Amino acid sequence: MLIYWLKTVGIGCASLLFLFLGIDDLMNAYSLTNPHMFIVYFFSSNLMILISLSGLLFSFFRIFTFIKNKRLKPL
């Protein structure tokens, strides 16, 4: 059970880190002057943001279903 929670929290924390890195890359992409480099940075940062959001949603739904199932169980 401990490994289950460590994986869930680890995925959530890593996703949060990559979300912030993706947002930072996206903001830095707008300061580029070369249009080709802008396109590369723009799409790579958006891909990073999308993948990290899916990791955050995965962790959120795992925790949410655990809490929901805990409440529904009779004592």
Protein backbone atom coordinates (compact mmCIF):
# COMPACT_ATOMS: atom_id res chain seq x y z
CA MET A 1 0.00 0.00 0.00
CA LEU A 2 2.91 2.34 0.71
CA ILE A 3 4.34 1.79 -2.77
CA TYR A 4 0.91 2.64 -4.26
CA TRP A 5 0.92 6.03 -2.54
CA LEU A 6 4.57 6.72 -3.28
CA LYS A 7 3.95 6.13 -6.99
CA THR A 8 0.84 8.31 -6.99
CA VAL A 9 2.52 11.18 -5.14
CA GLY A 10 5.69 10.81 -7.23
CA ILE A 11 3.76 11.02 -10.48
CA GLY A 12 1.85 14.03 -9.19
CA CYS A 13 4.99 15.87 -8.07
CA ALA A 14 6.90 15.10 -11.27
CA SER A 15 3.90 16.23 -13.33
CA LEU A 16 3.69 19.46 -11.38
CA LEU A 17 7.40 20.11 -11.95
CA PHE A 18 7.10 19.49 -15.69
CA LEU A 19 3.98 21.65 -15.84
CA PHE A 20 5.92 24.60 -14.42
CA LEU A 21 8.85 23.90 -16.75
CA GLY A 22 6.48 23.75 -19.74
CA ILE A 23 4.85 27.04 -18.79
CA ASP A 24 8.29 28.62 -18.38
CA ASP A 25 9.36 27.32 -21.81
CA LEU A 26 6.16 28.65 -23.32
CA MET A 27 6.77 32.12 -21.92
CA ASN A 28 10.40 32.03 -23.09
CA ALA A 29 9.33 30.98 -26.58
CA TYR A 30 7.69 34.35 -27.14
CA SER A 31 11.01 36.14 -26.67
CA LEU A 32 12.66 34.30 -29.59
CA THR A 33 13.24 36.15 -32.84
CA ASN A 34 13.79 33.16 -35.13
CA PRO A 35 10.37 31.89 -36.33
CA HIS A 36 11.55 28.30 -36.71
CA MET A 37 12.88 28.16 -33.16
CA PHE A 38 9.65 29.74 -31.93
CA ILE A 39 7.59 26.98 -33.53
CA VAL A 40 9.82 24.27 -32.05
CA TYR A 41 9.74 25.75 -28.54
CA PHE A 42 6.03 26.53 -28.75
CA PHE A 43 4.94 23.02 -29.71
CA SER A 44 7.41 21.26 -27.41
CA SER A 45 6.27 23.32 -24.43
CA ASN A 46 2.63 22.67 -25.25
CA LEU A 47 3.32 18.94 -25.46
CA MET A 48 5.09 19.08 -22.11
CA ILE A 49 2.13 20.90 -20.57
CA LEU A 50 -0.39 18.41 -21.96
CA ILE A 51 1.53 15.36 -20.76
CA SER A 52 2.06 16.83 -17.31
CA LEU A 53 -1.64 17.72 -17.03
CA SER A 54 -2.56 14.12 -17.83
CA GLY A 55 -0.20 12.97 -15.05
CA LEU A 56 -1.80 15.40 -12.61
CA LEU A 57 -5.28 14.23 -13.58
CA PHE A 58 -4.18 10.61 -13.14
CA SER A 59 -2.96 11.32 -9.60
CA PHE A 60 -6.02 13.40 -8.77
CA PHE A 61 -8.47 10.71 -9.87
CA ARG A 62 -6.58 7.96 -8.03
CA ILE A 63 -6.69 9.94 -4.80
CA PHE A 64 -10.29 11.04 -5.38
CA THR A 65 -11.55 7.50 -5.96
CA PHE A 66 -9.67 6.26 -2.88
CA ILE A 67 -11.30 8.93 -0.70
CA LYS A 68 -14.71 8.33 -2.27
CA ASN A 69 -14.48 4.57 -1.68
CA LYS A 70 -13.35 5.14 1.93
CA ARG A 71 -16.47 7.21 2.64
CA LEU A 72 -18.85 4.68 1.09
CA LYS A 73 -17.60 1.71 3.11
CA PRO A 74 -19.80 0.93 6.11
CA LEU A 75 -18.10 0.44 9.44
